[in-house]
Amino acid sequence: MAAAKRKSRNASNPNTTALARWETEGGALGSVQRGTGSLSEQETHILQYLGAAVLLRWNELPTHIQRELFEHAFVDVEPGKVTMLKEQIARFLHKHKDDSKNLS
């Protein structure tokens, strides 16, 4: 029953639908994971702009979303490099935590 509720809720959730479409239509990360090589220039620009938009709104995101995004950043990282990358990202987020306030 809970799975049916979850499924129907996800079907009407535009974010879930967009994510599914992104994955099935060969989203940028999917193309790298499938071993087709590096990101195209266009995909790199998309990820840069999307990443910048997320960073500008980082402090407005609920904590559980911040944690989820943070953890998803390490999905395809070699285990030996995860700790170093986590530290680098944490320092970057801390250093730029007030950047969106400076844009107003």
PDB file of N, CA and C in Angstrom:
ATOM      1  N   MET A   1       0.818  -1.192   0.000  1.00  0.00           N
ATOM      2  CA  MET A   1       0.000   0.000   0.000  1.00  0.00           C
ATOM      3  C   MET A   1       0.865   1.261   0.000  1.00  0.00           C
ATOM      4  N   ALA A   2       1.889   1.271   0.864  1.00  0.00           N
ATOM      5  CA  ALA A   2       2.762   2.440   0.934  1.00  0.00           C
ATOM      6  C   ALA A   2       3.494   2.636  -0.390  1.00  0.00           C
ATOM      7  N   ALA A   3       3.885   1.527  -1.018  1.00  0.00           N
ATOM      8  CA  ALA A   3       4.577   1.642  -2.308  1.00  0.00           C
ATOM      9  C   ALA A   3       3.657   2.229  -3.364  1.00  0.00           C
ATOM     10  N   ALA A   4       2.381   1.848  -3.323  1.00  0.00           N
ATOM     11  CA  ALA A   4       1.420   2.385  -4.289  1.00  0.00           C
ATOM     12  C   ALA A   4       1.235   3.881  -4.077  1.00  0.00           C
ATOM     13  N   LYS A   5       1.153   4.316  -2.808  1.00  0.00           N
ATOM     14  CA  LYS A   5       1.034   5.745  -2.516  1.00  0.00           C
ATOM     15  C   LYS A   5       2.261   6.496  -3.002  1.00  0.00           C
ATOM     16  N   ARG A   6       3.448   5.920  -2.728  1.00  0.00           N
ATOM     17  CA  ARG A   6       4.681   6.550  -3.136  1.00  0.00           C
ATOM     18  C   ARG A   6       4.739   6.664  -4.656  1.00  0.00           C
ATOM     19  N   LYS A   7       4.318   5.599  -5.354  1.00  0.00           N
ATOM     20  CA  LYS A   7       4.358   5.597  -6.802  1.00  0.00           C
ATOM     21  C   LYS A   7       3.416   6.652  -7.385  1.00  0.00           C
ATOM     22  N   SER A   8       2.197   6.729  -6.842  1.00  0.00           N
ATOM     23  CA  SER A   8       1.252   7.709  -7.379  1.00  0.00           C
ATOM     24  C   SER A   8       1.696   9.129  -7.052  1.00  0.00           C
ATOM     25  N   ARG A   9       2.295   9.329  -5.882  1.00  0.00           N
ATOM     26  CA  ARG A   9       2.787  10.646  -5.515  1.00  0.00           C
ATOM     27  C   ARG A   9       3.934  11.043  -6.439  1.00  0.00           C
ATOM     28  N   ASN A  10       4.852  10.098  -6.732  1.00  0.00           N
ATOM     29  CA  ASN A  10       5.973  10.394  -7.610  1.00  0.00           C
ATOM     30  C   ASN A  10       5.525  10.667  -9.035  1.00  0.00           C
ATOM     31  N   ALA A  11       4.466  10.003  -9.474  1.00  0.00           N
ATOM     32  CA  ALA A  11       3.998  10.203 -10.844  1.00  0.00           C
ATOM     33  C   ALA A  11       3.497  11.626 -11.046  1.00  0.00           C
ATOM     34  N   SER A  12       2.950  12.218  -9.997  1.00  0.00           N
ATOM     35  CA  SER A  12       2.436  13.576 -10.135  1.00  0.00           C
ATOM     36  C   SER A  12       3.469  14.634  -9.751  1.00  0.00           C
ATOM     37  N   ASN A  13       4.604  14.209  -9.255  1.00  0.00           N
ATOM     38  CA  ASN A  13       5.650  15.134  -8.842  1.00  0.00           C
ATOM     39  C   ASN A  13       6.468  15.540 -10.059  1.00  0.00           C
ATOM     40  N   PRO A  14       6.427  16.819 -10.460  1.00  0.00           N
ATOM     41  CA  PRO A  14       7.158  17.243 -11.655  1.00  0.00           C
ATOM     42  C   PRO A  14       8.662  17.063 -11.532  1.00  0.00           C
ATOM     43  N   ASN A  15       9.205  17.158 -10.321  1.00  0.00           N
ATOM     44  CA  ASN A  15      10.646  16.972 -10.146  1.00  0.00           C
ATOM     45  C   ASN A  15      11.046  15.534 -10.431  1.00  0.00           C
ATOM     46  N   THR A  16      10.231  14.586  -9.956  1.00  0.00           N
ATOM     47  CA  THR A  16      10.510  13.182 -10.202  1.00  0.00           C
ATOM     48  C   THR A  16      10.397  12.887 -11.690  1.00  0.00           C
ATOM     49  N   THR A  17       9.379  13.431 -12.322  1.00  0.00           N
ATOM     50  CA  THR A  17       9.189  13.224 -13.749  1.00  0.00           C
ATOM     51  C   THR A  17      10.358  13.807 -14.537  1.00  0.00           C
ATOM     52  N   ALA A  18      10.780  15.008 -14.181  1.00  0.00           N
ATOM     53  CA  ALA A  18      11.907  15.643 -14.871  1.00  0.00           C
ATOM     54  C   ALA A  18      13.177  14.833 -14.681  1.00  0.00           C
ATOM     55  N   LEU A  19      13.399  14.319 -13.468  1.00  0.00           N
ATOM     56  CA  LEU A  19      14.588  13.522 -13.205  1.00  0.00           C
ATOM     57  C   LEU A  19      14.558  12.245 -14.029  1.00  0.00           C
ATOM     58  N   ALA A  20      13.403  11.590 -14.072  1.00  0.00           N
ATOM     59  CA  ALA A  20      13.282  10.367 -14.863  1.00  0.00           C
ATOM     60  C   ALA A  20      13.549  10.657 -16.337  1.00  0.00           C
ATOM     61  N   ARG A  21      13.012  11.755 -16.835  1.00  0.00           N
ATOM     62  CA  ARG A  21      13.224  12.137 -18.228  1.00  0.00           C
ATOM     63  C   ARG A  21      14.715  12.418 -18.470  1.00  0.00           C
ATOM     64  N   TRP A  22      15.343  13.130 -17.542  1.00  0.00           N
ATOM     65  CA  TRP A  22      16.772  13.447 -17.642  1.00  0.00           C
ATOM     66  C   TRP A  22      17.586  12.170 -17.758  1.00  0.00           C
ATOM     67  N   GLU A  23      17.265  11.187 -16.895  1.00  0.00           N
ATOM     68  CA  GLU A  23      18.023   9.943 -16.880  1.00  0.00           C
ATOM     69  C   GLU A  23      17.786   9.119 -18.140  1.00  0.00           C
ATOM     70  N   THR A  24      16.525   9.037 -18.583  1.00  0.00           N
ATOM     71  CA  THR A  24      16.231   8.210 -19.749  1.00  0.00           C
ATOM     72  C   THR A  24      16.645   8.870 -21.052  1.00  0.00           C
ATOM     73  N   GLU A  25      16.770  10.182 -21.062  1.00  0.00           N
ATOM     74  CA  GLU A  25      17.174  10.881 -22.283  1.00  0.00           C
ATOM     75  C   GLU A  25      18.677  11.135 -22.323  1.00  0.00           C
ATOM     76  N   GLY A  26      19.408  10.472 -21.424  1.00  0.00           N
ATOM     77  CA  GLY A  26      20.869  10.574 -21.469  1.00  0.00           C
ATOM     78  C   GLY A  26      21.410  11.833 -20.832  1.00  0.00           C
ATOM     79  N   GLY A  27      20.943  12.146 -19.611  1.00  0.00           N
ATOM     80  CA  GLY A  27      21.453  13.308 -18.891  1.00  0.00           C
ATOM     81  C   GLY A  27      22.965  13.279 -18.810  1.00  0.00           C
ATOM     82  N   ALA A  28      23.542  14.398 -18.518  1.00  0.00           N
ATOM     83  CA  ALA A  28      24.996  14.558 -18.558  1.00  0.00           C
ATOM     84  C   ALA A  28      25.718  13.497 -17.735  1.00  0.00           C
ATOM     85  N   LEU A  29      25.277  13.274 -16.517  1.00  0.00           N
ATOM     86  CA  LEU A  29      25.982  12.309 -15.680  1.00  0.00           C
ATOM     87  C   LEU A  29      25.771  10.898 -16.197  1.00  0.00           C
ATOM     88  N   GLY A  30      24.593  10.630 -16.736  1.00  0.00           N
ATOM     89  CA  GLY A  30      24.319   9.313 -17.295  1.00  0.00           C
ATOM     90  C   GLY A  30      25.255   8.982 -18.439  1.00  0.00           C
ATOM     91  N   SER A  31      25.571   9.956 -19.273  1.00  0.00           N
ATOM     92  CA  SER A  31      26.457   9.693 -20.409  1.00  0.00           C
ATOM     93  C   SER A  31      27.863   9.365 -19.937  1.00  0.00           C
ATOM     94  N   VAL A  32      28.303   9.987 -18.850  1.00  0.00           N
ATOM     95  CA  VAL A  32      29.627   9.689 -18.317  1.00  0.00           C
ATOM     96  C   VAL A  32      29.611   8.308 -17.672  1.00  0.00           C
ATOM     97  N   GLN A  33      28.557   7.998 -16.912  1.00  0.00           N
ATOM     98  CA  GLN A  33      28.474   6.715 -16.240  1.00  0.00           C
ATOM     99  C   GLN A  33      28.398   5.559 -17.227  1.00  0.00           C
ATOM    100  N   ARG A  34      27.809   5.801 -18.396  1.00  0.00           N
ATOM    101  CA  ARG A  34      27.708   4.742 -19.394  1.00  0.00           C
ATOM    102  C   ARG A  34      29.014   4.568 -20.152  1.00  0.00           C
ATOM    103  N   GLY A  35      30.023   5.346 -19.792  1.00  0.00           N
ATOM    104  CA  GLY A  35      31.340   5.160 -20.372  1.00  0.00           C
ATOM    105  C   GLY A  35      31.537   5.800 -21.730  1.00  0.00           C
ATOM    106  N   THR A  36      30.729   6.792 -22.079  1.00  0.00           N
ATOM    107  CA  THR A  36      30.888   7.425 -23.385  1.00  0.00           C
ATOM    108  C   THR A  36      31.939   8.526 -23.345  1.00  0.00           C
ATOM    109  N   GLY A  37      32.608   8.683 -22.227  1.00  0.00           N
ATOM    110  CA  GLY A  37      33.675   9.678 -22.163  1.00  0.00           C
ATOM    111  C   GLY A  37      33.298  10.862 -21.319  1.00  0.00           C
ATOM    112  N   SER A  38      33.949  11.979 -21.632  1.00  0.00           N
ATOM    113  CA  SER A  38      33.745  13.176 -20.824  1.00  0.00           C
ATOM    114  C   SER A  38      32.490  13.919 -21.257  1.00  0.00           C
ATOM    115  N   LEU A  39      32.146  14.916 -20.469  1.00  0.00           N
ATOM    116  CA  LEU A  39      30.979  15.733 -20.768  1.00  0.00           C
ATOM    117  C   LEU A  39      31.235  16.604 -21.986  1.00  0.00           C
ATOM    118  N   SER A  40      30.170  16.863 -22.726  1.00  0.00           N
ATOM    119  CA  SER A  40      30.306  17.794 -23.840  1.00  0.00           C
ATOM    120  C   SER A  40      30.447  19.200 -23.271  1.00  0.00           C
ATOM    121  N   GLU A  41      30.866  20.113 -24.097  1.00  0.00           N
ATOM    122  CA  GLU A  41      31.005  21.509 -23.665  1.00  0.00           C
ATOM    123  C   GLU A  41      29.644  22.056 -23.206  1.00  0.00           C
ATOM    124  N   GLN A  42      28.589  21.726 -23.947  1.00  0.00           N
ATOM    125  CA  GLN A  42      27.245  22.194 -23.587  1.00  0.00           C
ATOM    126  C   GLN A  42      26.815  21.635 -22.229  1.00  0.00           C
ATOM    127  N   GLU A  43      27.075  20.347 -22.000  1.00  0.00           N
ATOM    128  CA  GLU A  43      26.713  19.734 -20.723  1.00  0.00           C
ATOM    129  C   GLU A  43      27.500  20.358 -19.571  1.00  0.00           C
ATOM    130  N   THR A  44      28.763  20.656 -19.808  1.00  0.00           N
ATOM    131  CA  THR A  44      29.587  21.293 -18.792  1.00  0.00           C
ATOM    132  C   THR A  44      29.014  22.659 -18.419  1.00  0.00           C
ATOM    133  N   HIS A  45      28.612  23.440 -19.420  1.00  0.00           N
ATOM    134  CA  HIS A  45      28.017  24.755 -19.153  1.00  0.00           C
ATOM    135  C   HIS A  45      26.709  24.617 -18.386  1.00  0.00           C
ATOM    136  N   ILE A  46      25.879  23.651 -18.771  1.00  0.00           N
ATOM    137  CA  ILE A  46      24.610  23.427 -18.070  1.00  0.00           C
ATOM    138  C   ILE A  46      24.865  23.128 -16.597  1.00  0.00           C
ATOM    139  N   LEU A  47      25.809  22.224 -16.339  1.00  0.00           N
ATOM    140  CA  LEU A  47      26.108  21.863 -14.956  1.00  0.00           C
ATOM    141  C   LEU A  47      26.698  23.036 -14.181  1.00  0.00           C
ATOM    142  N   GLN A  48      27.492  23.859 -14.838  1.00  0.00           N
ATOM    143  CA  GLN A  48      28.061  25.037 -14.165  1.00  0.00           C
ATOM    144  C   GLN A  48      26.952  26.008 -13.775  1.00  0.00           C
ATOM    145  N   TYR A  49      26.043  26.295 -14.696  1.00  0.00           N
ATOM    146  CA  TYR A  49      24.954  27.224 -14.392  1.00  0.00           C
ATOM    147  C   TYR A  49      24.007  26.662 -13.342  1.00  0.00           C
ATOM    148  N   LEU A  50      23.694  25.379 -13.457  1.00  0.00           N
ATOM    149  CA  LEU A  50      22.815  24.748 -12.478  1.00  0.00           C
ATOM    150  C   LEU A  50      23.474  24.730 -11.103  1.00  0.00           C
ATOM    151  N   GLY A  51      24.764  24.399 -11.075  1.00  0.00           N
ATOM    152  CA  GLY A  51      25.497  24.392  -9.815  1.00  0.00           C
ATOM    153  C   GLY A  51      25.548  25.768  -9.181  1.00  0.00           C
ATOM    154  N   ALA A  52      25.778  26.792  -9.993  1.00  0.00           N
ATOM    155  CA  ALA A  52      25.811  28.159  -9.470  1.00  0.00           C
ATOM    156  C   ALA A  52      24.449  28.554  -8.911  1.00  0.00           C
ATOM    157  N   ALA A  53      23.384  28.161  -9.596  1.00  0.00           N
ATOM    158  CA  ALA A  53      22.034  28.485  -9.115  1.00  0.00           C
ATOM    159  C   ALA A  53      21.761  27.809  -7.773  1.00  0.00           C
ATOM    160  N   VAL A  54      22.176  26.567  -7.641  1.00  0.00           N
ATOM    161  CA  VAL A  54      21.992  25.854  -6.364  1.00  0.00           C
ATOM    162  C   VAL A  54      22.782  26.547  -5.266  1.00  0.00           C
ATOM    163  N   LEU A  55      24.021  26.925  -5.563  1.00  0.00           N
ATOM    164  CA  LEU A  55      24.857  27.588  -4.560  1.00  0.00           C
ATOM    165  C   LEU A  55      24.276  28.926  -4.121  1.00  0.00           C
ATOM    166  N   LEU A  56      23.700  29.664  -5.047  1.00  0.00           N
ATOM    167  CA  LEU A  56      23.117  30.959  -4.691  1.00  0.00           C
ATOM    168  C   LEU A  56      21.912  30.810  -3.765  1.00  0.00           C
ATOM    169  N   ARG A  57      21.270  29.667  -3.804  1.00  0.00           N
ATOM    170  CA  ARG A  57      20.096  29.428  -2.951  1.00  0.00           C
ATOM    171  C   ARG A  57      20.364  28.420  -1.843  1.00  0.00           C
ATOM    172  N   TRP A  58      21.618  28.022  -1.683  1.00  0.00           N
ATOM    173  CA  TRP A  58      21.989  26.960  -0.736  1.00  0.00           C
ATOM    174  C   TRP A  58      21.424  27.204   0.661  1.00  0.00           C
ATOM    175  N   ASN A  59      21.599  28.404   1.196  1.00  0.00           N
ATOM    176  CA  ASN A  59      21.159  28.673   2.567  1.00  0.00           C
ATOM    177  C   ASN A  59      19.639  28.689   2.709  1.00  0.00           C
ATOM    178  N   GLU A  60      18.927  28.818   1.601  1.00  0.00           N
ATOM    179  CA  GLU A  60      17.467  28.804   1.638  1.00  0.00           C
ATOM    180  C   GLU A  60      16.900  27.388   1.548  1.00  0.00           C
ATOM    181  N   LEU A  61      17.744  26.437   1.176  1.00  0.00           N
ATOM    182  CA  LEU A  61      17.292  25.049   1.048  1.00  0.00           C
ATOM    183  C   LEU A  61      17.133  24.429   2.430  1.00  0.00           C
ATOM    184  N   PRO A  62      16.125  23.587   2.597  1.00  0.00           N
ATOM    185  CA  PRO A  62      15.996  22.871   3.869  1.00  0.00           C
ATOM    186  C   PRO A  62      17.247  22.024   4.123  1.00  0.00           C
ATOM    187  N   THR A  63      17.595  21.865   5.363  1.00  0.00           N
ATOM    188  CA  THR A  63      18.811  21.140   5.741  1.00  0.00           C
ATOM    189  C   THR A  63      18.842  19.740   5.155  1.00  0.00           C
ATOM    190  N   HIS A  64      17.702  19.038   5.151  1.00  0.00           N
ATOM    191  CA  HIS A  64      17.713  17.669   4.620  1.00  0.00           C
ATOM    192  C   HIS A  64      18.013  17.654   3.118  1.00  0.00           C
ATOM    193  N   ILE A  65      17.623  18.681   2.396  1.00  0.00           N
ATOM    194  CA  ILE A  65      17.941  18.779   0.965  1.00  0.00           C
ATOM    195  C   ILE A  65      19.435  19.076   0.798  1.00  0.00           C
ATOM    196  N   GLN A  66      19.969  19.969   1.627  1.00  0.00           N
ATOM    197  CA  GLN A  66      21.407  20.258   1.578  1.00  0.00           C
ATOM    198  C   GLN A  66      22.210  18.973   1.794  1.00  0.00           C
ATOM    199  N   ARG A  67      21.828  18.207   2.805  1.00  0.00           N
ATOM    200  CA  ARG A  67      22.548  16.963   3.112  1.00  0.00           C
ATOM    201  C   ARG A  67      22.454  15.971   1.958  1.00  0.00           C
ATOM    202  N   GLU A  68      21.248  15.864   1.373  1.00  0.00           N
ATOM    203  CA  GLU A  68      21.049  14.951   0.256  1.00  0.00           C
ATOM    204  C   GLU A  68      21.919  15.339  -0.942  1.00  0.00           C
ATOM    205  N   LEU A  69      21.921  16.614  -1.289  1.00  0.00           N
ATOM    206  CA  LEU A  69      22.744  17.091  -2.407  1.00  0.00           C
ATOM    207  C   LEU A  69      24.221  16.856  -2.110  1.00  0.00           C
ATOM    208  N   PHE A  70      24.640  17.154  -0.891  1.00  0.00           N
ATOM    209  CA  PHE A  70      26.030  16.966  -0.480  1.00  0.00           C
ATOM    210  C   PHE A  70      26.438  15.507  -0.651  1.00  0.00           C
ATOM    211  N   GLU A  71      25.605  14.583  -0.182  1.00  0.00           N
ATOM    212  CA  GLU A  71      25.932  13.154  -0.269  1.00  0.00           C
ATOM    213  C   GLU A  71      25.913  12.663  -1.713  1.00  0.00           C
ATOM    214  N   HIS A  72      25.002  13.170  -2.531  1.00  0.00           N
ATOM    215  CA  HIS A  72      24.929  12.757  -3.935  1.00  0.00           C
ATOM    216  C   HIS A  72      26.144  13.228  -4.734  1.00  0.00           C
ATOM    217  N   ALA A  73      26.852  14.197  -4.227  1.00  0.00           N
ATOM    218  CA  ALA A  73      28.029  14.711  -4.928  1.00  0.00           C
ATOM    219  C   ALA A  73      29.149  13.670  -4.978  1.00  0.00           C
ATOM    220  N   PHE A  74      29.065  12.623  -4.176  1.00  0.00           N
ATOM    221  CA  PHE A  74      30.159  11.661  -4.053  1.00  0.00           C
ATOM    222  C   PHE A  74      29.816  10.287  -4.607  1.00  0.00           C
ATOM    223  N   VAL A  75      28.734  10.193  -5.356  1.00  0.00           N
ATOM    224  CA  VAL A  75      28.270   8.899  -5.847  1.00  0.00           C
ATOM    225  C   VAL A  75      29.330   8.167  -6.663  1.00  0.00           C
ATOM    226  N   ASP A  76      29.981   8.846  -7.578  1.00  0.00           N
ATOM    227  CA  ASP A  76      30.952   8.185  -8.451  1.00  0.00           C
ATOM    228  C   ASP A  76      32.403   8.547  -8.146  1.00  0.00           C
ATOM    229  N   VAL A  77      32.656   8.967  -6.910  1.00  0.00           N
ATOM    230  CA  VAL A  77      34.009   9.348  -6.511  1.00  0.00           C
ATOM    231  C   VAL A  77      34.720   8.116  -5.949  1.00  0.00           C
ATOM    232  N   GLU A  78      35.989   7.984  -6.309  1.00  0.00           N
ATOM    233  CA  GLU A  78      36.779   6.873  -5.777  1.00  0.00           C
ATOM    234  C   GLU A  78      36.784   6.943  -4.254  1.00  0.00           C
ATOM    235  N   PRO A  79      36.603   5.811  -3.580  1.00  0.00           N
ATOM    236  CA  PRO A  79      36.520   5.811  -2.114  1.00  0.00           C
ATOM    237  C   PRO A  79      37.671   6.540  -1.425  1.00  0.00           C
ATOM    238  N   GLY A  80      38.875   6.439  -1.929  1.00  0.00           N
ATOM    239  CA  GLY A  80      40.024   7.084  -1.308  1.00  0.00           C
ATOM    240  C   GLY A  80      40.012   8.606  -1.419  1.00  0.00           C
ATOM    241  N   LYS A  81      39.175   9.144  -2.307  1.00  0.00           N
ATOM    242  CA  LYS A  81      39.131  10.588  -2.526  1.00  0.00           C
ATOM    243  C   LYS A  81      37.916  11.259  -1.899  1.00  0.00           C
ATOM    244  N   VAL A  82      36.997  10.476  -1.349  1.00  0.00           N
ATOM    245  CA  VAL A  82      35.746  11.028  -0.810  1.00  0.00           C
ATOM    246  C   VAL A  82      36.000  12.003   0.330  1.00  0.00           C
ATOM    247  N   THR A  83      36.817  11.624   1.293  1.00  0.00           N
ATOM    248  CA  THR A  83      37.059  12.479   2.459  1.00  0.00           C
ATOM    249  C   THR A  83      37.648  13.820   2.050  1.00  0.00           C
ATOM    250  N   MET A  84      38.640  13.789   1.160  1.00  0.00           N
ATOM    251  CA  MET A  84      39.266  15.033   0.717  1.00  0.00           C
ATOM    252  C   MET A  84      38.250  15.912  -0.019  1.00  0.00           C
ATOM    253  N   LEU A  85      37.456  15.322  -0.899  1.00  0.00           N
ATOM    254  CA  LEU A  85      36.469  16.086  -1.654  1.00  0.00           C
ATOM    255  C   LEU A  85      35.385  16.657  -0.737  1.00  0.00           C
ATOM    256  N   LYS A  86      34.949  15.876   0.248  1.00  0.00           N
ATOM    257  CA  LYS A  86      33.959  16.372   1.217  1.00  0.00           C
ATOM    258  C   LYS A  86      34.496  17.603   1.941  1.00  0.00           C
ATOM    259  N   GLU A  87      35.746  17.539   2.351  1.00  0.00           N
ATOM    260  CA  GLU A  87      36.356  18.678   3.047  1.00  0.00           C
ATOM    261  C   GLU A  87      36.437  19.898   2.144  1.00  0.00           C
ATOM    262  N   GLN A  88      36.831  19.685   0.887  1.00  0.00           N
ATOM    263  CA  GLN A  88      36.928  20.795  -0.063  1.00  0.00           C
ATOM    264  C   GLN A  88      35.559  21.442  -0.309  1.00  0.00           C
ATOM    265  N   ILE A  89      34.545  20.618  -0.501  1.00  0.00           N
ATOM    266  CA  ILE A  89      33.201  21.156  -0.742  1.00  0.00           C
ATOM    267  C   ILE A  89      32.684  21.874   0.491  1.00  0.00           C
ATOM    268  N   ALA A  90      32.896  21.297   1.673  1.00  0.00           N
ATOM    269  CA  ALA A  90      32.447  21.940   2.914  1.00  0.00           C
ATOM    270  C   ALA A  90      33.107  23.304   3.092  1.00  0.00           C
ATOM    271  N   ARG A  91      34.425  23.372   2.832  1.00  0.00           N
ATOM    272  CA  ARG A  91      35.128  24.666   2.929  1.00  0.00           C
ATOM    273  C   ARG A  91      34.584  25.662   1.902  1.00  0.00           C
ATOM    274  N   PHE A  92      34.342  25.197   0.681  1.00  0.00           N
ATOM    275  CA  PHE A  92      33.814  26.064  -0.370  1.00  0.00           C
ATOM    276  C   PHE A  92      32.443  26.618   0.028  1.00  0.00           C
ATOM    277  N   LEU A  93      31.568  25.744   0.513  1.00  0.00           N
ATOM    278  CA  LEU A  93      30.230  26.182   0.925  1.00  0.00           C
ATOM    279  C   LEU A  93      30.313  27.197   2.061  1.00  0.00           C
ATOM    280  N   HIS A  94      31.208  26.945   3.008  1.00  0.00           N
ATOM    281  CA  HIS A  94      31.361  27.871   4.126  1.00  0.00           C
ATOM    282  C   HIS A  94      31.895  29.222   3.645  1.00  0.00           C
ATOM    283  N   LYS A  95      32.891  29.178   2.766  1.00  0.00           N
ATOM    284  CA  LYS A  95      33.507  30.403   2.255  1.00  0.00           C
ATOM    285  C   LYS A  95      32.506  31.254   1.470  1.00  0.00           C
ATOM    286  N   HIS A  96      31.592  30.615   0.762  1.00  0.00           N
ATOM    287  CA  HIS A  96      30.664  31.329  -0.114  1.00  0.00           C
ATOM    288  C   HIS A  96      29.236  31.397   0.438  1.00  0.00           C
ATOM    289  N   LYS A  97      29.073  31.134   1.723  1.00  0.00           N
ATOM    290  CA  LYS A  97      27.724  31.060   2.293  1.00  0.00           C
ATOM    291  C   LYS A  97      26.940  32.363   2.195  1.00  0.00           C
ATOM    292  N   ASP A  98      27.609  33.489   2.109  1.00  0.00           N
ATOM    293  CA  ASP A  98      26.910  34.775   2.054  1.00  0.00           C
ATOM    294  C   ASP A  98      26.935  35.416   0.670  1.00  0.00           C
ATOM    295  N   ASP A  99      27.389  34.693  -0.335  1.00  0.00           N
ATOM    296  CA  ASP A  99      27.511  35.257  -1.677  1.00  0.00           C
ATOM    297  C   ASP A  99      26.189  35.766  -2.235  1.00  0.00           C
ATOM    298  N   SER A 100      25.102  35.057  -2.005  1.00  0.00           N
ATOM    299  CA  SER A 100      23.818  35.486  -2.569  1.00  0.00           C
ATOM    300  C   SER A 100      23.345  36.814  -1.959  1.00  0.00           C
ATOM    301  N   LYS A 101      23.763  37.104  -0.726  1.00  0.00           N
ATOM    302  CA  LYS A 101      23.394  38.378  -0.087  1.00  0.00           C
ATOM    303  C   LYS A 101      24.084  39.545  -0.762  1.00  0.00           C
ATOM    304  N   ASN A 102      25.270  39.301  -1.297  1.00  0.00           N
ATOM    305  CA  ASN A 102      26.049  40.363  -1.943  1.00  0.00           C
ATOM    306  C   ASN A 102      25.523  40.725  -3.325  1.00  0.00           C
ATOM    307  N   LEU A 103      24.645  39.888  -3.893  1.00  0.00           N
ATOM    308  CA  LEU A 103      24.096  40.150  -5.224  1.00  0.00           C
ATOM    309  C   LEU A 103      22.920  41.116  -5.199  1.00  0.00           C
ATOM    310  N   SER A 104      22.323  41.286  -4.037  1.00  0.00           N
ATOM    311  CA  SER A 104      21.122  42.130  -3.952  1.00  0.00           C
ATOM    312  C   SER A 104      21.456  43.598  -3.989  1.00  0.00           C
TER     313      SER A 104
END
